[in-house]
Amino acid sequence: MLTSAEFVDFIEKNEITDFYITGADAAICVKSSCFNLRKAKYNVCVLSDCVTSYDKKQIPEMLKYYQSKGCILIDSKELLKNIVFESPCSSRQIFVFYVNNTNIIFNSPINSTID
């Protein structure tokens, strides 16, 4: 994720420090994203019910891996509840990022201020 200069510029310009990760490949894309974001000292929440894999048996092991790297595991219901109150990642701005192979597509904030 952090190999795109445009993406890094975007997150720095918008002072984004917290990421919520979902994905279709728990053992490759999601794993790499979590590792690199945590290595760069970002707060990372993985939506445990929004991660899958071609080998579903790997998911429990991958969830443990994400936690071992300092990621917080939450499910989508918990995220929705916490956005209204206080999220585990303390995010004030929510941006949507889609990771599609090596392309990162992002859009404007869902809600620019969450109090």
N, C-alpha and C. Protein backbone atom coordinates (compact mmCIF):
# COMPACT_ATOMS: atom_id res chain seq x y z
N MET A 1 0.81 -1.19 0.00
CA MET A 1 0.00 0.00 0.00
C MET A 1 0.86 1.26 0.00
N LEU A 2 1.95 1.23 0.70
CA LEU A 2 2.74 2.45 0.85
C LEU A 2 3.78 2.61 -0.25
N THR A 3 3.68 1.82 -1.31
CA THR A 3 4.61 1.94 -2.42
C THR A 3 4.15 2.97 -3.44
N SER A 4 2.94 3.44 -3.33
CA SER A 4 2.41 4.45 -4.23
C SER A 4 2.67 5.84 -3.65
N ALA A 5 3.47 6.64 -4.34
CA ALA A 5 3.78 8.00 -3.87
C ALA A 5 2.51 8.83 -3.77
N GLU A 6 1.59 8.65 -4.71
CA GLU A 6 0.33 9.40 -4.69
C GLU A 6 -0.48 9.06 -3.44
N PHE A 7 -0.51 7.78 -3.08
CA PHE A 7 -1.24 7.35 -1.90
C PHE A 7 -0.60 7.92 -0.63
N VAL A 8 0.71 7.82 -0.53
CA VAL A 8 1.42 8.34 0.65
C VAL A 8 1.19 9.85 0.77
N ASP A 9 1.25 10.58 -0.33
CA ASP A 9 0.98 12.01 -0.31
C ASP A 9 -0.44 12.30 0.18
N PHE A 10 -1.38 11.49 -0.29
CA PHE A 10 -2.78 11.67 0.10
C PHE A 10 -2.97 11.47 1.59
N ILE A 11 -2.41 10.39 2.15
CA ILE A 11 -2.61 10.14 3.58
C ILE A 11 -1.87 11.16 4.44
N GLU A 12 -0.72 11.63 3.97
CA GLU A 12 -0.01 12.66 4.73
C GLU A 12 -0.76 13.99 4.67
N LYS A 13 -1.22 14.37 3.49
CA LYS A 13 -1.95 15.64 3.32
C LYS A 13 -3.21 15.66 4.18
N ASN A 14 -3.89 14.53 4.27
CA ASN A 14 -5.14 14.44 5.02
C ASN A 14 -4.94 13.98 6.47
N GLU A 15 -3.68 13.83 6.88
CA GLU A 15 -3.33 13.45 8.24
C GLU A 15 -4.05 12.17 8.68
N ILE A 16 -4.09 11.20 7.80
CA ILE A 16 -4.72 9.92 8.10
C ILE A 16 -3.73 9.06 8.86
N THR A 17 -4.16 8.56 10.00
CA THR A 17 -3.29 7.72 10.82
C THR A 17 -3.91 6.35 11.09
N ASP A 18 -5.18 6.19 10.77
CA ASP A 18 -5.91 4.97 11.10
C ASP A 18 -6.48 4.33 9.85
N PHE A 19 -6.36 3.02 9.77
CA PHE A 19 -6.84 2.28 8.61
C PHE A 19 -7.72 1.12 9.04
N TYR A 20 -8.80 0.90 8.31
CA TYR A 20 -9.69 -0.24 8.48
C TYR A 20 -9.49 -1.11 7.25
N ILE A 21 -9.09 -2.35 7.47
CA ILE A 21 -8.68 -3.22 6.37
C ILE A 21 -9.72 -4.33 6.15
N THR A 22 -10.07 -4.53 4.89
CA THR A 22 -10.89 -5.65 4.45
C THR A 22 -10.18 -6.25 3.24
N GLY A 23 -10.58 -7.44 2.82
CA GLY A 23 -9.95 -7.96 1.62
C GLY A 23 -10.35 -9.37 1.29
N ALA A 24 -10.07 -9.72 0.04
CA ALA A 24 -10.43 -11.02 -0.49
C ALA A 24 -9.30 -12.03 -0.41
N ASP A 25 -8.13 -11.61 0.01
CA ASP A 25 -7.02 -12.56 0.10
C ASP A 25 -6.27 -12.33 1.41
N ALA A 26 -6.72 -13.01 2.44
CA ALA A 26 -6.18 -12.82 3.79
C ALA A 26 -4.69 -13.12 3.88
N ALA A 27 -4.20 -14.04 3.05
CA ALA A 27 -2.81 -14.47 3.17
C ALA A 27 -1.85 -13.67 2.31
N ILE A 28 -2.36 -12.82 1.44
CA ILE A 28 -1.44 -12.07 0.58
C ILE A 28 -1.70 -10.57 0.72
N CYS A 29 -2.74 -10.05 0.08
CA CYS A 29 -2.98 -8.60 0.06
C CYS A 29 -3.25 -8.02 1.45
N VAL A 30 -4.15 -8.65 2.18
CA VAL A 30 -4.48 -8.14 3.52
C VAL A 30 -3.27 -8.26 4.44
N LYS A 31 -2.58 -9.39 4.38
CA LYS A 31 -1.39 -9.60 5.21
C LYS A 31 -0.33 -8.55 4.92
N SER A 32 -0.06 -8.33 3.65
CA SER A 32 0.95 -7.34 3.25
C SER A 32 0.56 -5.93 3.67
N SER A 33 -0.71 -5.59 3.48
CA SER A 33 -1.19 -4.25 3.86
C SER A 33 -1.04 -4.04 5.35
N CYS A 34 -1.47 -5.03 6.15
CA CYS A 34 -1.36 -4.91 7.60
C CYS A 34 0.09 -4.78 8.04
N PHE A 35 0.94 -5.62 7.50
CA PHE A 35 2.35 -5.60 7.87
C PHE A 35 2.98 -4.24 7.57
N ASN A 36 2.78 -3.75 6.34
CA ASN A 36 3.42 -2.49 5.94
C ASN A 36 2.85 -1.28 6.66
N LEU A 37 1.56 -1.27 6.89
CA LEU A 37 0.96 -0.15 7.63
C LEU A 37 1.43 -0.12 9.08
N ARG A 38 1.48 -1.28 9.72
CA ARG A 38 1.95 -1.32 11.11
C ARG A 38 3.45 -0.99 11.19
N LYS A 39 4.22 -1.47 10.23
CA LYS A 39 5.65 -1.16 10.19
C LYS A 39 5.87 0.35 10.11
N ALA A 40 4.96 1.04 9.42
CA ALA A 40 5.03 2.50 9.29
C ALA A 40 4.34 3.21 10.46
N LYS A 41 3.96 2.45 11.48
CA LYS A 41 3.39 2.97 12.73
C LYS A 41 1.97 3.54 12.59
N TYR A 42 1.21 3.08 11.60
CA TYR A 42 -0.19 3.47 11.49
C TYR A 42 -1.03 2.57 12.39
N ASN A 43 -2.19 3.06 12.81
CA ASN A 43 -3.16 2.26 13.55
C ASN A 43 -3.95 1.46 12.51
N VAL A 44 -4.10 0.16 12.77
CA VAL A 44 -4.77 -0.71 11.80
C VAL A 44 -5.83 -1.54 12.51
N CYS A 45 -7.05 -1.45 12.00
CA CYS A 45 -8.14 -2.32 12.43
C CYS A 45 -8.49 -3.23 11.26
N VAL A 46 -8.56 -4.51 11.52
CA VAL A 46 -8.96 -5.48 10.49
C VAL A 46 -10.39 -5.89 10.80
N LEU A 47 -11.26 -5.75 9.80
CA LEU A 47 -12.65 -6.17 9.95
C LEU A 47 -12.70 -7.68 9.74
N SER A 48 -12.76 -8.41 10.84
CA SER A 48 -12.59 -9.86 10.80
C SER A 48 -13.66 -10.57 9.99
N ASP A 49 -14.85 -10.02 9.89
CA ASP A 49 -15.89 -10.66 9.09
C ASP A 49 -15.92 -10.14 7.65
N CYS A 50 -14.93 -9.34 7.30
CA CYS A 50 -14.83 -8.80 5.93
C CYS A 50 -13.51 -9.20 5.27
N VAL A 51 -12.93 -10.29 5.77
CA VAL A 51 -11.70 -10.83 5.20
C VAL A 51 -11.98 -12.27 4.81
N THR A 52 -11.55 -12.63 3.63
CA THR A 52 -11.73 -14.01 3.17
C THR A 52 -10.45 -14.47 2.49
N SER A 53 -10.47 -15.69 2.01
CA SER A 53 -9.29 -16.25 1.36
C SER A 53 -9.73 -17.41 0.47
N TYR A 54 -8.90 -17.72 -0.51
CA TYR A 54 -9.20 -18.88 -1.35
C TYR A 54 -9.19 -20.15 -0.49
N ASP A 55 -8.41 -20.15 0.57
CA ASP A 55 -8.36 -21.26 1.52
C ASP A 55 -8.90 -20.76 2.86
N LYS A 56 -10.17 -20.98 3.08
CA LYS A 56 -10.84 -20.45 4.27
C LYS A 56 -10.22 -20.97 5.58
N LYS A 57 -9.54 -22.10 5.52
CA LYS A 57 -8.90 -22.65 6.71
C LYS A 57 -7.77 -21.75 7.21
N GLN A 58 -7.23 -20.88 6.35
CA GLN A 58 -6.14 -20.00 6.73
C GLN A 58 -6.61 -18.78 7.53
N ILE A 59 -7.87 -18.47 7.47
CA ILE A 59 -8.36 -17.22 8.07
C ILE A 59 -8.06 -17.12 9.57
N PRO A 60 -8.36 -18.14 10.40
CA PRO A 60 -8.03 -18.00 11.83
C PRO A 60 -6.54 -17.73 12.08
N GLU A 61 -5.69 -18.42 11.33
CA GLU A 61 -4.24 -18.21 11.46
C GLU A 61 -3.86 -16.79 11.04
N MET A 62 -4.46 -16.29 9.99
CA MET A 62 -4.16 -14.94 9.52
C MET A 62 -4.65 -13.89 10.52
N LEU A 63 -5.80 -14.10 11.12
CA LEU A 63 -6.29 -13.16 12.14
C LEU A 63 -5.32 -13.09 13.31
N LYS A 64 -4.78 -14.23 13.72
CA LYS A 64 -3.76 -14.24 14.79
C LYS A 64 -2.51 -13.49 14.34
N TYR A 65 -2.12 -13.67 13.08
CA TYR A 65 -0.96 -12.96 12.55
C TYR A 65 -1.17 -11.45 12.63
N TYR A 66 -2.35 -10.98 12.19
CA TYR A 66 -2.63 -9.54 12.21
C TYR A 66 -2.51 -9.00 13.63
N GLN A 67 -3.07 -9.73 14.58
CA GLN A 67 -2.97 -9.31 15.98
C GLN A 67 -1.52 -9.28 16.44
N SER A 68 -0.73 -10.25 16.02
CA SER A 68 0.67 -10.30 16.45
C SER A 68 1.46 -9.11 15.93
N LYS A 69 0.97 -8.48 14.89
CA LYS A 69 1.63 -7.29 14.33
C LYS A 69 1.07 -6.00 14.92
N GLY A 70 0.11 -6.13 15.83
CA GLY A 70 -0.43 -4.95 16.50
C GLY A 70 -1.74 -4.44 15.92
N CYS A 71 -2.34 -5.20 15.04
CA CYS A 71 -3.64 -4.80 14.49
C CYS A 71 -4.74 -5.12 15.48
N ILE A 72 -5.80 -4.34 15.43
CA ILE A 72 -6.98 -4.57 16.25
C ILE A 72 -7.99 -5.30 15.38
N LEU A 73 -8.56 -6.39 15.91
CA LEU A 73 -9.60 -7.12 15.19
C LEU A 73 -10.97 -6.67 15.67
N ILE A 74 -11.81 -6.27 14.74
CA ILE A 74 -13.20 -5.95 15.06
C ILE A 74 -14.05 -6.51 13.93
N ASP A 75 -15.36 -6.60 14.15
CA ASP A 75 -16.23 -7.00 13.05
C ASP A 75 -16.99 -5.78 12.55
N SER A 76 -17.67 -5.93 11.44
CA SER A 76 -18.31 -4.78 10.81
C SER A 76 -19.41 -4.17 11.67
N LYS A 77 -20.12 -4.99 12.43
CA LYS A 77 -21.16 -4.45 13.32
C LYS A 77 -20.54 -3.58 14.41
N GLU A 78 -19.43 -4.05 14.95
CA GLU A 78 -18.72 -3.28 15.98
C GLU A 78 -18.20 -1.97 15.40
N LEU A 79 -17.69 -2.01 14.17
CA LEU A 79 -17.21 -0.79 13.53
C LEU A 79 -18.34 0.23 13.38
N LEU A 80 -19.47 -0.22 12.89
CA LEU A 80 -20.59 0.71 12.71
C LEU A 80 -21.04 1.31 14.03
N LYS A 81 -21.08 0.49 15.06
CA LYS A 81 -21.44 0.98 16.39
C LYS A 81 -20.41 1.99 16.89
N ASN A 82 -19.14 1.69 16.69
CA ASN A 82 -18.07 2.53 17.21
C ASN A 82 -17.87 3.81 16.42
N ILE A 83 -18.24 3.81 15.16
CA ILE A 83 -18.13 5.06 14.39
C ILE A 83 -19.03 6.12 15.00
N VAL A 84 -20.18 5.69 15.46
CA VAL A 84 -21.11 6.63 16.07
C VAL A 84 -20.57 7.15 17.39
N PHE A 85 -19.87 6.31 18.13
CA PHE A 85 -19.36 6.70 19.43
C PHE A 85 -17.85 6.93 19.37
N GLU A 86 -17.09 5.89 19.58
CA GLU A 86 -15.62 6.04 19.55
C GLU A 86 -15.02 4.76 19.01
N SER A 87 -14.26 4.86 17.94
CA SER A 87 -13.71 3.67 17.31
C SER A 87 -12.45 3.20 18.03
N PRO A 88 -12.11 1.90 17.92
CA PRO A 88 -10.88 1.40 18.53
C PRO A 88 -9.64 2.05 17.93
N CYS A 89 -9.75 2.57 16.73
CA CYS A 89 -8.61 3.24 16.11
C CYS A 89 -8.70 4.75 16.27
N SER A 90 -9.70 5.25 16.96
CA SER A 90 -9.86 6.68 17.23
C SER A 90 -9.88 7.54 15.97
N SER A 91 -10.42 7.02 14.91
CA SER A 91 -10.42 7.76 13.65
C SER A 91 -11.46 8.87 13.67
N ARG A 92 -11.08 10.03 13.19
CA ARG A 92 -12.00 11.15 13.10
C ARG A 92 -12.44 11.36 11.66
N GLN A 93 -11.63 10.94 10.70
CA GLN A 93 -11.99 11.02 9.30
C GLN A 93 -12.01 9.61 8.74
N ILE A 94 -13.05 9.31 7.99
CA ILE A 94 -13.16 7.99 7.39
C ILE A 94 -13.05 8.14 5.88
N PHE A 95 -12.07 7.52 5.30
CA PHE A 95 -11.88 7.49 3.85
C PHE A 95 -12.06 6.05 3.40
N VAL A 96 -12.50 5.86 2.19
CA VAL A 96 -12.65 4.52 1.65
C VAL A 96 -11.51 4.25 0.69
N PHE A 97 -10.80 3.16 0.91
CA PHE A 97 -9.70 2.76 0.04
C PHE A 97 -10.01 1.36 -0.48
N TYR A 98 -9.92 1.20 -1.77
CA TYR A 98 -10.11 -0.11 -2.38
C TYR A 98 -8.75 -0.59 -2.88
N VAL A 99 -8.34 -1.75 -2.44
CA VAL A 99 -7.08 -2.30 -2.92
C VAL A 99 -7.42 -3.39 -3.93
N ASN A 100 -7.00 -3.18 -5.15
CA ASN A 100 -7.29 -4.12 -6.24
C ASN A 100 -5.97 -4.49 -6.89
N ASN A 101 -5.44 -5.65 -6.52
CA ASN A 101 -4.11 -6.07 -6.96
C ASN A 101 -3.10 -5.00 -6.55
N THR A 102 -2.50 -4.30 -7.49
CA THR A 102 -1.52 -3.28 -7.13
C THR A 102 -2.09 -1.88 -7.24
N ASN A 103 -3.35 -1.74 -7.56
CA ASN A 103 -3.95 -0.41 -7.70
C ASN A 103 -4.67 -0.01 -6.42
N ILE A 104 -4.48 1.20 -6.01
CA ILE A 104 -5.19 1.74 -4.86
C ILE A 104 -6.08 2.86 -5.37
N ILE A 105 -7.36 2.71 -5.14
CA ILE A 105 -8.32 3.71 -5.57
C ILE A 105 -8.92 4.31 -4.31
N PHE A 106 -8.91 5.62 -4.19
CA PHE A 106 -9.49 6.20 -3.00
C PHE A 106 -10.42 7.33 -3.40
N ASN A 107 -11.34 7.61 -2.51
CA ASN A 107 -12.28 8.69 -2.77
C ASN A 107 -12.31 9.65 -1.60
N SER A 108 -13.17 10.62 -1.69
CA SER A 108 -13.25 11.64 -0.65
C SER A 108 -13.84 11.06 0.63
N PRO A 109 -13.76 11.79 1.72
CA PRO A 109 -14.23 11.27 3.00
C PRO A 109 -15.72 10.89 2.97
N ILE A 110 -16.03 9.83 3.68
CA ILE A 110 -17.43 9.46 3.88
C ILE A 110 -18.07 10.53 4.75
N ASN A 111 -17.37 10.90 5.79
CA ASN A 111 -17.87 11.91 6.71
C ASN A 111 -16.64 12.63 7.24
N SER A 112 -16.51 13.90 6.95
CA SER A 112 -15.27 14.58 7.27
C SER A 112 -15.06 14.81 8.76
N THR A 113 -16.12 14.84 9.52
CA THR A 113 -15.93 14.98 10.96
C THR A 113 -16.90 14.05 11.69
N ILE A 114 -16.34 13.22 12.53
CA ILE A 114 -17.15 12.33 13.36
C ILE A 114 -16.85 12.71 14.80
N ASP A 115 -17.83 13.20 15.48
CA ASP A 115 -17.64 13.61 16.88
C ASP A 115 -18.22 12.59 17.83
